[in-house]
Amino acid sequence: MTTGVMVGSALAPLVLASDDPIDHVMPHGLFKLGEFSVTNTFFMLMVSAALMLVLFPLAARSKGLVPTGARNFVEAILQFLREGVARPVLHEATDRFMPFLWTAFFLILFANVLGMLPITALMTMITGQPSHLGGTATGDFSITIGLAACAFLAIHIGGIKEQGFVHYCKNFAPHVPWPLLLLLVPLEIVGALIKPFALCIRLFANMIAGHIVLAILLGFSKLLADGVGGVSLGATIGSIAGATFISLLELFVAFLQAYIFTFLTTLFLGMAVHPEH
């Protein structure tokens, strides 16, 4: 038990944020810019955007007809999203929407992956004071609402530009007997609002779920440090092994949720641009 307490004590600074699993994923204010409060999640979103502005130009500077290294990795993803996801749905309109779809995918991916880094725990361990620096930007409901709002505008502005305003509005009135329009038109309008809301909820819920589970598992190690309930070294190792498995699963989910957001946005774009399909 003495050995277990020593291990738990060493781990304690790394799991301070897991005392309250909900607090672990909530946004926290870092500083103010005038009347605007900058939260840790918004800060991490800006870090994600800054990394994109730095890393992608560096990858694009690679010379040669055959891409290698980082350029090869990035181009493979770009090509897959354009040819495997967007073109079968958007057809000739594909290239017009790819800058938005590429940006959305990589911004969400960077935010998801950065959220897995134990920045908060490391800053707490280094400073000896509770820190909220770090966090998962896509685990903040207000940020996922913003991403969904961008998708909403892209979908409907793209549809209007492709078909014209009048013809686009006619798509909300299916070719059915007019009495049914009193029911179907409101449903079409509600459906147009629900689609981006579904994007928002799906991304938000999936990103906070893993972090909450991870905080709970690491909390078992904190119990050992506090000497609660005669927790053994084996229980601590088990909780760390479980946390490792959840972390690997979260890495997969980070890529998966960026892909799903982009894929569903592409489908909704296709419905707006080519309603006949």
C-alpha atoms as a PDB file:
ATOM      1  CA  MET A   1       0.000   0.000   0.000  1.00  0.00           C
ATOM      2  CA  THR A   2       2.929   2.334   0.734  1.00  0.00           C
ATOM      3  CA  THR A   3       4.240   1.842  -2.805  1.00  0.00           C
ATOM      4  CA  GLY A   4       0.767   2.520  -4.185  1.00  0.00           C
ATOM      5  CA  VAL A   5       0.510   5.792  -2.255  1.00  0.00           C
ATOM      6  CA  MET A   6       3.905   6.913  -3.611  1.00  0.00           C
ATOM      7  CA  VAL A   7       2.784   6.223  -7.189  1.00  0.00           C
ATOM      8  CA  GLY A   8      -0.541   7.924  -6.594  1.00  0.00           C
ATOM      9  CA  SER A   9       1.181  10.953  -5.058  1.00  0.00           C
ATOM     10  CA  ALA A  10       3.359  11.307  -8.138  1.00  0.00           C
ATOM     11  CA  LEU A  11       0.275  11.157 -10.343  1.00  0.00           C
ATOM     12  CA  ALA A  12      -1.786  13.534  -8.222  1.00  0.00           C
ATOM     13  CA  PRO A  13      -0.719  16.788  -9.970  1.00  0.00           C
ATOM     14  CA  LEU A  14      -1.638  15.240 -13.314  1.00  0.00           C
ATOM     15  CA  VAL A  15      -5.165  14.391 -12.261  1.00  0.00           C
ATOM     16  CA  LEU A  16      -6.139  17.478 -10.280  1.00  0.00           C
ATOM     17  CA  ALA A  17      -8.437  18.475 -13.126  1.00  0.00           C
ATOM     18  CA  SER A  18     -10.288  15.179 -12.760  1.00  0.00           C
ATOM     19  CA  ASP A  19     -11.629  15.949  -9.250  1.00  0.00           C
ATOM     20  CA  ASP A  20     -14.795  17.177 -10.945  1.00  0.00           C
ATOM     21  CA  PRO A  21     -15.241  15.477 -14.352  1.00  0.00           C
ATOM     22  CA  ILE A  22     -17.751  18.111 -15.491  1.00  0.00           C
ATOM     23  CA  ASP A  23     -15.521  21.029 -14.476  1.00  0.00           C
ATOM     24  CA  HIS A  24     -12.766  19.306 -16.451  1.00  0.00           C
ATOM     25  CA  VAL A  25     -14.565  19.963 -19.758  1.00  0.00           C
ATOM     26  CA  MET A  26     -16.232  23.309 -18.967  1.00  0.00           C
ATOM     27  CA  PRO A  27     -14.840  26.498 -20.536  1.00  0.00           C
ATOM     28  CA  HIS A  28     -12.955  28.785 -18.132  1.00  0.00           C
ATOM     29  CA  GLY A  29     -12.046  32.442 -18.543  1.00  0.00           C
ATOM     30  CA  LEU A  30      -8.336  33.143 -19.026  1.00  0.00           C
ATOM     31  CA  PHE A  31      -8.243  36.914 -19.497  1.00  0.00           C
ATOM     32  CA  LYS A  32     -10.305  39.813 -20.804  1.00  0.00           C
ATOM     33  CA  LEU A  33      -9.978  41.885 -23.953  1.00  0.00           C
ATOM     34  CA  GLY A  34     -12.124  44.873 -23.106  1.00  0.00           C
ATOM     35  CA  GLU A  35     -15.604  43.509 -22.485  1.00  0.00           C
ATOM     36  CA  PHE A  36     -14.802  40.207 -24.162  1.00  0.00           C
ATOM     37  CA  SER A  37     -13.741  37.295 -21.943  1.00  0.00           C
ATOM     38  CA  VAL A  38     -11.281  34.940 -23.621  1.00  0.00           C
ATOM     39  CA  THR A  39     -11.932  31.363 -22.497  1.00  0.00           C
ATOM     40  CA  ASN A  40      -9.471  28.502 -22.642  1.00  0.00           C
ATOM     41  CA  THR A  41     -11.528  26.815 -25.388  1.00  0.00           C
ATOM     42  CA  PHE A  42     -11.602  29.948 -27.560  1.00  0.00           C
ATOM     43  CA  PHE A  43      -7.880  30.375 -26.996  1.00  0.00           C
ATOM     44  CA  MET A  44      -7.241  26.785 -28.139  1.00  0.00           C
ATOM     45  CA  LEU A  45      -9.390  27.397 -31.230  1.00  0.00           C
ATOM     46  CA  MET A  46      -7.180  30.362 -32.107  1.00  0.00           C
ATOM     47  CA  VAL A  47      -4.086  28.217 -31.502  1.00  0.00           C
ATOM     48  CA  SER A  48      -5.514  25.621 -33.910  1.00  0.00           C
ATOM     49  CA  ALA A  49      -6.092  28.290 -36.556  1.00  0.00           C
ATOM     50  CA  ALA A  50      -2.600  29.722 -36.029  1.00  0.00           C
ATOM     51  CA  LEU A  51      -1.013  26.280 -36.414  1.00  0.00           C
ATOM     52  CA  MET A  52      -2.870  25.796 -39.691  1.00  0.00           C
ATOM     53  CA  LEU A  53      -1.610  29.156 -40.984  1.00  0.00           C
ATOM     54  CA  VAL A  54       1.961  28.155 -40.107  1.00  0.00           C
ATOM     55  CA  LEU A  55       2.131  24.431 -40.904  1.00  0.00           C
ATOM     56  CA  PHE A  56       0.267  24.270 -44.214  1.00  0.00           C
ATOM     57  CA  PRO A  57       2.428  26.877 -45.999  1.00  0.00           C
ATOM     58  CA  LEU A  58       5.511  25.030 -44.709  1.00  0.00           C
ATOM     59  CA  ALA A  59       4.187  21.731 -46.070  1.00  0.00           C
ATOM     60  CA  ALA A  60       3.339  23.382 -49.404  1.00  0.00           C
ATOM     61  CA  ARG A  61       6.914  24.642 -49.795  1.00  0.00           C
ATOM     62  CA  SER A  62       8.120  21.097 -50.433  1.00  0.00           C
ATOM     63  CA  LYS A  63       9.406  20.849 -54.013  1.00  0.00           C
ATOM     64  CA  GLY A  64       9.130  18.005 -56.504  1.00  0.00           C
ATOM     65  CA  LEU A  65       6.396  16.288 -58.466  1.00  0.00           C
ATOM     66  CA  VAL A  66       6.159  13.431 -55.947  1.00  0.00           C
ATOM     67  CA  PRO A  67       5.065  14.702 -52.524  1.00  0.00           C
ATOM     68  CA  THR A  68       6.927  13.411 -49.495  1.00  0.00           C
ATOM     69  CA  GLY A  69       6.748  13.804 -45.738  1.00  0.00           C
ATOM     70  CA  ALA A  70       4.170  16.231 -44.357  1.00  0.00           C
ATOM     71  CA  ARG A  71       3.161  17.355 -47.838  1.00  0.00           C
ATOM     72  CA  ASN A  72       2.344  13.778 -48.809  1.00  0.00           C
ATOM     73  CA  PHE A  73       0.215  13.311 -45.667  1.00  0.00           C
ATOM     74  CA  VAL A  74      -1.710  16.559 -46.182  1.00  0.00           C
ATOM     75  CA  GLU A  75      -2.245  16.050 -49.913  1.00  0.00           C
ATOM     76  CA  ALA A  76      -3.561  12.540 -49.354  1.00  0.00           C
ATOM     77  CA  ILE A  77      -6.235  13.895 -47.012  1.00  0.00           C
ATOM     78  CA  LEU A  78      -7.077  16.802 -49.327  1.00  0.00           C
ATOM     79  CA  GLN A  79      -7.413  14.451 -52.287  1.00  0.00           C
ATOM     80  CA  PHE A  80      -9.581  12.007 -50.355  1.00  0.00           C
ATOM     81  CA  LEU A  81     -11.952  14.727 -49.166  1.00  0.00           C
ATOM     82  CA  ARG A  82     -12.320  16.182 -52.666  1.00  0.00           C
ATOM     83  CA  GLU A  83     -12.562  13.017 -54.753  1.00  0.00           C
ATOM     84  CA  GLY A  84     -13.960  10.538 -52.217  1.00  0.00           C
ATOM     85  CA  VAL A  85     -16.349  12.735 -50.248  1.00  0.00           C
ATOM     86  CA  ALA A  86     -17.291  15.910 -52.111  1.00  0.00           C
ATOM     87  CA  ARG A  87     -17.220  15.106 -55.843  1.00  0.00           C
ATOM     88  CA  PRO A  88     -19.772  12.246 -55.757  1.00  0.00           C
ATOM     89  CA  VAL A  89     -22.218  14.660 -54.095  1.00  0.00           C
ATOM     90  CA  LEU A  90     -21.369  18.130 -55.434  1.00  0.00           C
ATOM     91  CA  HIS A  91     -20.284  17.124 -58.970  1.00  0.00           C
ATOM     92  CA  GLU A  92     -19.267  20.205 -60.998  1.00  0.00           C
ATOM     93  CA  ALA A  93     -19.677  22.481 -57.936  1.00  0.00           C
ATOM     94  CA  THR A  94     -17.017  20.572 -55.985  1.00  0.00           C
ATOM     95  CA  ASP A  95     -14.098  22.967 -56.419  1.00  0.00           C
ATOM     96  CA  ARG A  96     -16.184  25.973 -55.367  1.00  0.00           C
ATOM     97  CA  PHE A  97     -16.846  24.505 -51.927  1.00  0.00           C
ATOM     98  CA  MET A  98     -13.583  22.680 -51.247  1.00  0.00           C
ATOM     99  CA  PRO A  99     -11.794  25.620 -49.536  1.00  0.00           C
ATOM    100  CA  PHE A 100     -14.568  25.751 -46.936  1.00  0.00           C
ATOM    101  CA  LEU A 101     -14.750  21.966 -46.488  1.00  0.00           C
ATOM    102  CA  TRP A 102     -10.974  21.578 -46.210  1.00  0.00           C
ATOM    103  CA  THR A 103     -10.776  24.431 -43.685  1.00  0.00           C
ATOM    104  CA  ALA A 104     -13.621  23.015 -41.579  1.00  0.00           C
ATOM    105  CA  PHE A 105     -12.066  19.541 -41.521  1.00  0.00           C
ATOM    106  CA  PHE A 106      -8.575  20.603 -40.489  1.00  0.00           C
ATOM    107  CA  LEU A 107      -9.726  23.238 -38.001  1.00  0.00           C
ATOM    108  CA  ILE A 108     -11.884  20.665 -36.195  1.00  0.00           C
ATOM    109  CA  LEU A 109      -9.133  18.044 -36.419  1.00  0.00           C
ATOM    110  CA  PHE A 110      -6.485  20.373 -34.981  1.00  0.00           C
ATOM    111  CA  ALA A 111      -8.825  21.467 -32.172  1.00  0.00           C
ATOM    112  CA  ASN A 112      -9.697  17.844 -31.361  1.00  0.00           C
ATOM    113  CA  VAL A 113      -6.087  16.676 -31.250  1.00  0.00           C
ATOM    114  CA  LEU A 114      -4.827  19.684 -29.282  1.00  0.00           C
ATOM    115  CA  GLY A 115      -7.559  18.998 -26.743  1.00  0.00           C
ATOM    116  CA  MET A 116      -5.939  15.632 -26.017  1.00  0.00           C
ATOM    117  CA  LEU A 117      -2.675  17.216 -24.889  1.00  0.00           C
ATOM    118  CA  PRO A 118      -2.429  17.391 -21.054  1.00  0.00           C
ATOM    119  CA  ILE A 119      -1.627  21.112 -21.099  1.00  0.00           C
ATOM    120  CA  THR A 120      -3.825  21.867 -18.076  1.00  0.00           C
ATOM    121  CA  ALA A 121      -2.282  19.090 -15.971  1.00  0.00           C
ATOM    122  CA  LEU A 122       1.277  20.022 -16.954  1.00  0.00           C
ATOM    123  CA  MET A 123       0.747  23.709 -16.138  1.00  0.00           C
ATOM    124  CA  THR A 124      -0.765  22.696 -12.785  1.00  0.00           C
ATOM    125  CA  MET A 125       2.248  20.485 -12.055  1.00  0.00           C
ATOM    126  CA  ILE A 126       4.772  23.147 -13.116  1.00  0.00           C
ATOM    127  CA  THR A 127       3.202  26.127 -11.331  1.00  0.00           C
ATOM    128  CA  GLY A 128       1.758  24.256  -8.356  1.00  0.00           C
ATOM    129  CA  GLN A 129      -1.480  26.188  -8.854  1.00  0.00           C
ATOM    130  CA  PRO A 130      -4.696  25.078 -10.584  1.00  0.00           C
ATOM    131  CA  SER A 131      -4.543  26.075 -14.250  1.00  0.00           C
ATOM    132  CA  HIS A 132      -7.169  26.099 -16.976  1.00  0.00           C
ATOM    133  CA  LEU A 133      -4.826  26.683 -19.895  1.00  0.00           C
ATOM    134  CA  GLY A 134      -5.559  24.132 -22.622  1.00  0.00           C
ATOM    135  CA  GLY A 135      -8.740  22.242 -23.316  1.00  0.00           C
ATOM    136  CA  THR A 136     -10.791  20.977 -26.235  1.00  0.00           C
ATOM    137  CA  ALA A 137     -12.243  23.813 -28.291  1.00  0.00           C
ATOM    138  CA  THR A 138     -14.823  21.505 -29.866  1.00  0.00           C
ATOM    139  CA  GLY A 139     -15.977  20.521 -26.385  1.00  0.00           C
ATOM    140  CA  ASP A 140     -17.387  24.047 -25.971  1.00  0.00           C
ATOM    141  CA  PHE A 141     -21.031  24.243 -27.078  1.00  0.00           C
ATOM    142  CA  SER A 142     -20.719  27.888 -28.134  1.00  0.00           C
ATOM    143  CA  ILE A 143     -17.836  27.038 -30.477  1.00  0.00           C
ATOM    144  CA  THR A 144     -19.607  24.085 -32.072  1.00  0.00           C
ATOM    145  CA  ILE A 145     -22.630  26.366 -32.568  1.00  0.00           C
ATOM    146  CA  GLY A 146     -20.329  28.793 -34.380  1.00  0.00           C
ATOM    147  CA  LEU A 147     -18.972  26.016 -36.610  1.00  0.00           C
ATOM    148  CA  ALA A 148     -22.506  24.817 -37.341  1.00  0.00           C
ATOM    149  CA  ALA A 149     -23.567  28.397 -38.140  1.00  0.00           C
ATOM    150  CA  CYS A 150     -20.738  28.642 -40.679  1.00  0.00           C
ATOM    151  CA  ALA A 151     -21.951  25.396 -42.250  1.00  0.00           C
ATOM    152  CA  PHE A 152     -25.539  26.736 -42.257  1.00  0.00           C
ATOM    153  CA  LEU A 153     -24.489  29.893 -44.103  1.00  0.00           C
ATOM    154  CA  ALA A 154     -22.360  27.947 -46.587  1.00  0.00           C
ATOM    155  CA  ILE A 155     -25.233  25.559 -47.324  1.00  0.00           C
ATOM    156  CA  HIS A 156     -27.908  28.154 -47.961  1.00  0.00           C
ATOM    157  CA  ILE A 157     -25.783  30.866 -49.543  1.00  0.00           C
ATOM    158  CA  GLY A 158     -24.301  28.200 -51.822  1.00  0.00           C
ATOM    159  CA  GLY A 159     -27.777  26.977 -52.743  1.00  0.00           C
ATOM    160  CA  ILE A 160     -29.012  30.510 -53.473  1.00  0.00           C
ATOM    161  CA  LYS A 161     -25.972  31.342 -55.616  1.00  0.00           C
ATOM    162  CA  GLU A 162     -26.362  28.110 -57.569  1.00  0.00           C
ATOM    163  CA  GLN A 163     -30.122  28.284 -58.206  1.00  0.00           C
ATOM    164  CA  GLY A 164     -31.161  31.866 -57.577  1.00  0.00           C
ATOM    165  CA  PHE A 165     -33.160  33.073 -54.600  1.00  0.00           C
ATOM    166  CA  VAL A 166     -36.651  32.478 -55.986  1.00  0.00           C
ATOM    167  CA  HIS A 167     -35.946  28.998 -57.332  1.00  0.00           C
ATOM    168  CA  TYR A 168     -34.130  28.030 -54.118  1.00  0.00           C
ATOM    169  CA  CYS A 169     -37.116  29.085 -52.007  1.00  0.00           C
ATOM    170  CA  LYS A 170     -39.392  26.987 -54.221  1.00  0.00           C
ATOM    171  CA  ASN A 171     -37.509  23.890 -53.034  1.00  0.00           C
ATOM    172  CA  PHE A 172     -39.145  24.388 -49.635  1.00  0.00           C
ATOM    173  CA  ALA A 173     -42.516  23.803 -51.328  1.00  0.00           C
ATOM    174  CA  PRO A 174     -42.565  20.217 -52.709  1.00  0.00           C
ATOM    175  CA  HIS A 175     -44.784  19.328 -55.687  1.00  0.00           C
ATOM    176  CA  VAL A 176     -47.783  18.122 -53.710  1.00  0.00           C
ATOM    177  CA  PRO A 177     -51.446  19.216 -53.489  1.00  0.00           C
ATOM    178  CA  TRP A 178     -51.572  22.697 -51.993  1.00  0.00           C
ATOM    179  CA  PRO A 179     -53.328  21.725 -48.723  1.00  0.00           C
ATOM    180  CA  LEU A 180     -50.313  19.585 -47.843  1.00  0.00           C
ATOM    181  CA  LEU A 181     -48.036  22.596 -48.256  1.00  0.00           C
ATOM    182  CA  LEU A 182     -49.433  23.991 -44.995  1.00  0.00           C
ATOM    183  CA  LEU A 183     -47.784  21.037 -43.272  1.00  0.00           C
ATOM    184  CA  LEU A 184     -44.736  20.346 -45.457  1.00  0.00           C
ATOM    185  CA  VAL A 185     -43.362  23.880 -45.847  1.00  0.00           C
ATOM    186  CA  PRO A 186     -42.973  24.416 -42.076  1.00  0.00           C
ATOM    187  CA  LEU A 187     -41.395  20.959 -41.825  1.00  0.00           C
ATOM    188  CA  GLU A 188     -38.907  21.837 -44.573  1.00  0.00           C
ATOM    189  CA  ILE A 189     -37.980  25.055 -42.775  1.00  0.00           C
ATOM    190  CA  VAL A 190     -37.583  23.261 -39.448  1.00  0.00           C
ATOM    191  CA  GLY A 191     -35.469  20.603 -41.173  1.00  0.00           C
ATOM    192  CA  ALA A 192     -33.165  23.287 -42.572  1.00  0.00           C
ATOM    193  CA  LEU A 193     -32.598  24.542 -39.019  1.00  0.00           C
ATOM    194  CA  ILE A 194     -32.201  21.096 -37.467  1.00  0.00           C
ATOM    195  CA  LYS A 195     -29.437  19.993 -39.840  1.00  0.00           C
ATOM    196  CA  PRO A 196     -26.757  22.404 -38.542  1.00  0.00           C
ATOM    197  CA  PHE A 197     -28.022  21.870 -34.974  1.00  0.00           C
ATOM    198  CA  ALA A 198     -27.389  18.137 -35.432  1.00  0.00           C
ATOM    199  CA  LEU A 199     -23.835  18.939 -36.583  1.00  0.00           C
ATOM    200  CA  CYS A 200     -23.329  21.038 -33.460  1.00  0.00           C
ATOM    201  CA  ILE A 201     -24.689  18.496 -30.972  1.00  0.00           C
ATOM    202  CA  ARG A 202     -22.909  15.506 -32.542  1.00  0.00           C
ATOM    203  CA  LEU A 203     -19.488  17.149 -32.420  1.00  0.00           C
ATOM    204  CA  PHE A 204     -19.954  18.647 -28.942  1.00  0.00           C
ATOM    205  CA  ALA A 205     -21.298  15.468 -27.305  1.00  0.00           C
ATOM    206  CA  ASN A 206     -18.687  13.151 -28.787  1.00  0.00           C
ATOM    207  CA  MET A 207     -15.777  15.371 -27.818  1.00  0.00           C
ATOM    208  CA  ILE A 208     -16.750  15.920 -24.173  1.00  0.00           C
ATOM    209  CA  ALA A 209     -17.801  12.309 -23.547  1.00  0.00           C
ATOM    210  CA  GLY A 210     -14.304  10.874 -23.865  1.00  0.00           C
ATOM    211  CA  HIS A 211     -12.773  13.575 -21.675  1.00  0.00           C
ATOM    212  CA  ILE A 212     -15.317  12.979 -18.922  1.00  0.00           C
ATOM    213  CA  VAL A 213     -14.637   9.233 -18.953  1.00  0.00           C
ATOM    214  CA  LEU A 214     -10.886   9.898 -18.938  1.00  0.00           C
ATOM    215  CA  ALA A 215     -11.213  12.255 -15.968  1.00  0.00           C
ATOM    216  CA  ILE A 216     -13.217   9.655 -14.042  1.00  0.00           C
ATOM    217  CA  LEU A 217     -10.644   6.923 -14.696  1.00  0.00           C
ATOM    218  CA  LEU A 218      -7.754   9.153 -13.641  1.00  0.00           C
ATOM    219  CA  GLY A 219      -9.772  10.099 -10.565  1.00  0.00           C
ATOM    220  CA  PHE A 220      -9.274   6.560  -9.288  1.00  0.00           C
ATOM    221  CA  SER A 221      -5.554   7.260  -9.127  1.00  0.00           C
ATOM    222  CA  LYS A 222      -6.285  10.383  -7.109  1.00  0.00           C
ATOM    223  CA  LEU A 223      -8.186   8.200  -4.619  1.00  0.00           C
ATOM    224  CA  LEU A 224      -5.006   6.225  -4.036  1.00  0.00           C
ATOM    225  CA  ALA A 225      -3.040   9.396  -3.370  1.00  0.00           C
ATOM    226  CA  ASP A 226      -5.659  10.390  -0.790  1.00  0.00           C
ATOM    227  CA  GLY A 227      -5.595   6.929   0.804  1.00  0.00           C
ATOM    228  CA  VAL A 228      -9.317   6.358   0.275  1.00  0.00           C
ATOM    229  CA  GLY A 229     -10.867   2.931   0.648  1.00  0.00           C
ATOM    230  CA  GLY A 230      -7.656   0.897   0.660  1.00  0.00           C
ATOM    231  CA  VAL A 231      -7.192   1.241  -3.088  1.00  0.00           C
ATOM    232  CA  SER A 232      -4.323  -0.940  -4.267  1.00  0.00           C
ATOM    233  CA  LEU A 233      -1.494  -0.391  -6.715  1.00  0.00           C
ATOM    234  CA  GLY A 234      -3.222  -2.854  -9.045  1.00  0.00           C
ATOM    235  CA  ALA A 235      -6.328  -0.647  -9.123  1.00  0.00           C
ATOM    236  CA  THR A 236      -4.172   2.340  -9.991  1.00  0.00           C
ATOM    237  CA  ILE A 237      -2.459   0.465 -12.813  1.00  0.00           C
ATOM    238  CA  GLY A 238      -5.879  -0.647 -14.044  1.00  0.00           C
ATOM    239  CA  SER A 239      -7.197   2.913 -14.074  1.00  0.00           C
ATOM    240  CA  ILE A 240      -4.114   4.132 -15.949  1.00  0.00           C
ATOM    241  CA  ALA A 241      -4.446   1.285 -18.470  1.00  0.00           C
ATOM    242  CA  GLY A 242      -8.105   2.182 -18.965  1.00  0.00           C
ATOM    243  CA  ALA A 243      -7.204   5.843 -19.395  1.00  0.00           C
ATOM    244  CA  THR A 244      -4.587   4.876 -21.995  1.00  0.00           C
ATOM    245  CA  PHE A 245      -7.163   2.878 -23.947  1.00  0.00           C
ATOM    246  CA  ILE A 246      -9.670   5.761 -23.803  1.00  0.00           C
ATOM    247  CA  SER A 247      -6.954   8.162 -24.983  1.00  0.00           C
ATOM    248  CA  LEU A 248      -6.234   5.996 -28.020  1.00  0.00           C
ATOM    249  CA  LEU A 249      -9.963   5.782 -28.698  1.00  0.00           C
ATOM    250  CA  GLU A 250     -10.211   9.574 -28.414  1.00  0.00           C
ATOM    251  CA  LEU A 251      -7.451   9.960 -31.004  1.00  0.00           C
ATOM    252  CA  PHE A 252      -9.543   7.881 -33.403  1.00  0.00           C
ATOM    253  CA  VAL A 253     -12.659   9.884 -32.507  1.00  0.00           C
ATOM    254  CA  ALA A 254     -10.767  13.145 -33.131  1.00  0.00           C
ATOM    255  CA  PHE A 255     -10.258  12.152 -36.773  1.00  0.00           C
ATOM    256  CA  LEU A 256     -13.674  10.518 -37.069  1.00  0.00           C
ATOM    257  CA  GLN A 257     -15.650  13.529 -35.842  1.00  0.00           C
ATOM    258  CA  ALA A 258     -13.761  15.914 -38.131  1.00  0.00           C
ATOM    259  CA  TYR A 259     -14.609  13.593 -41.023  1.00  0.00           C
ATOM    260  CA  ILE A 260     -18.276  13.192 -40.010  1.00  0.00           C
ATOM    261  CA  PHE A 261     -18.774  16.961 -39.693  1.00  0.00           C
ATOM    262  CA  THR A 262     -17.256  17.476 -43.142  1.00  0.00           C
ATOM    263  CA  PHE A 263     -19.140  14.541 -44.674  1.00  0.00           C
ATOM    264  CA  LEU A 264     -22.550  15.646 -43.358  1.00  0.00           C
ATOM    265  CA  THR A 265     -21.912  19.255 -44.364  1.00  0.00           C
ATOM    266  CA  THR A 266     -21.092  18.020 -47.860  1.00  0.00           C
ATOM    267  CA  LEU A 267     -24.333  16.044 -48.001  1.00  0.00           C
ATOM    268  CA  PHE A 268     -26.353  19.078 -46.919  1.00  0.00           C
ATOM    269  CA  LEU A 269     -24.521  21.213 -49.476  1.00  0.00           C
ATOM    270  CA  GLY A 270     -25.362  18.675 -52.155  1.00  0.00           C
ATOM    271  CA  MET A 271     -29.049  18.783 -51.180  1.00  0.00           C
ATOM    272  CA  ALA A 272     -28.998  22.583 -51.464  1.00  0.00           C
ATOM    273  CA  VAL A 273     -27.006  22.810 -54.695  1.00  0.00           C
ATOM    274  CA  HIS A 274     -28.573  19.796 -56.474  1.00  0.00           C
ATOM    275  CA  PRO A 275     -32.041  19.337 -54.931  1.00  0.00           C
ATOM    276  CA  GLU A 276     -33.105  17.180 -57.887  1.00  0.00           C
ATOM    277  CA  HIS A 277     -30.732  14.452 -56.692  1.00  0.00           C
END
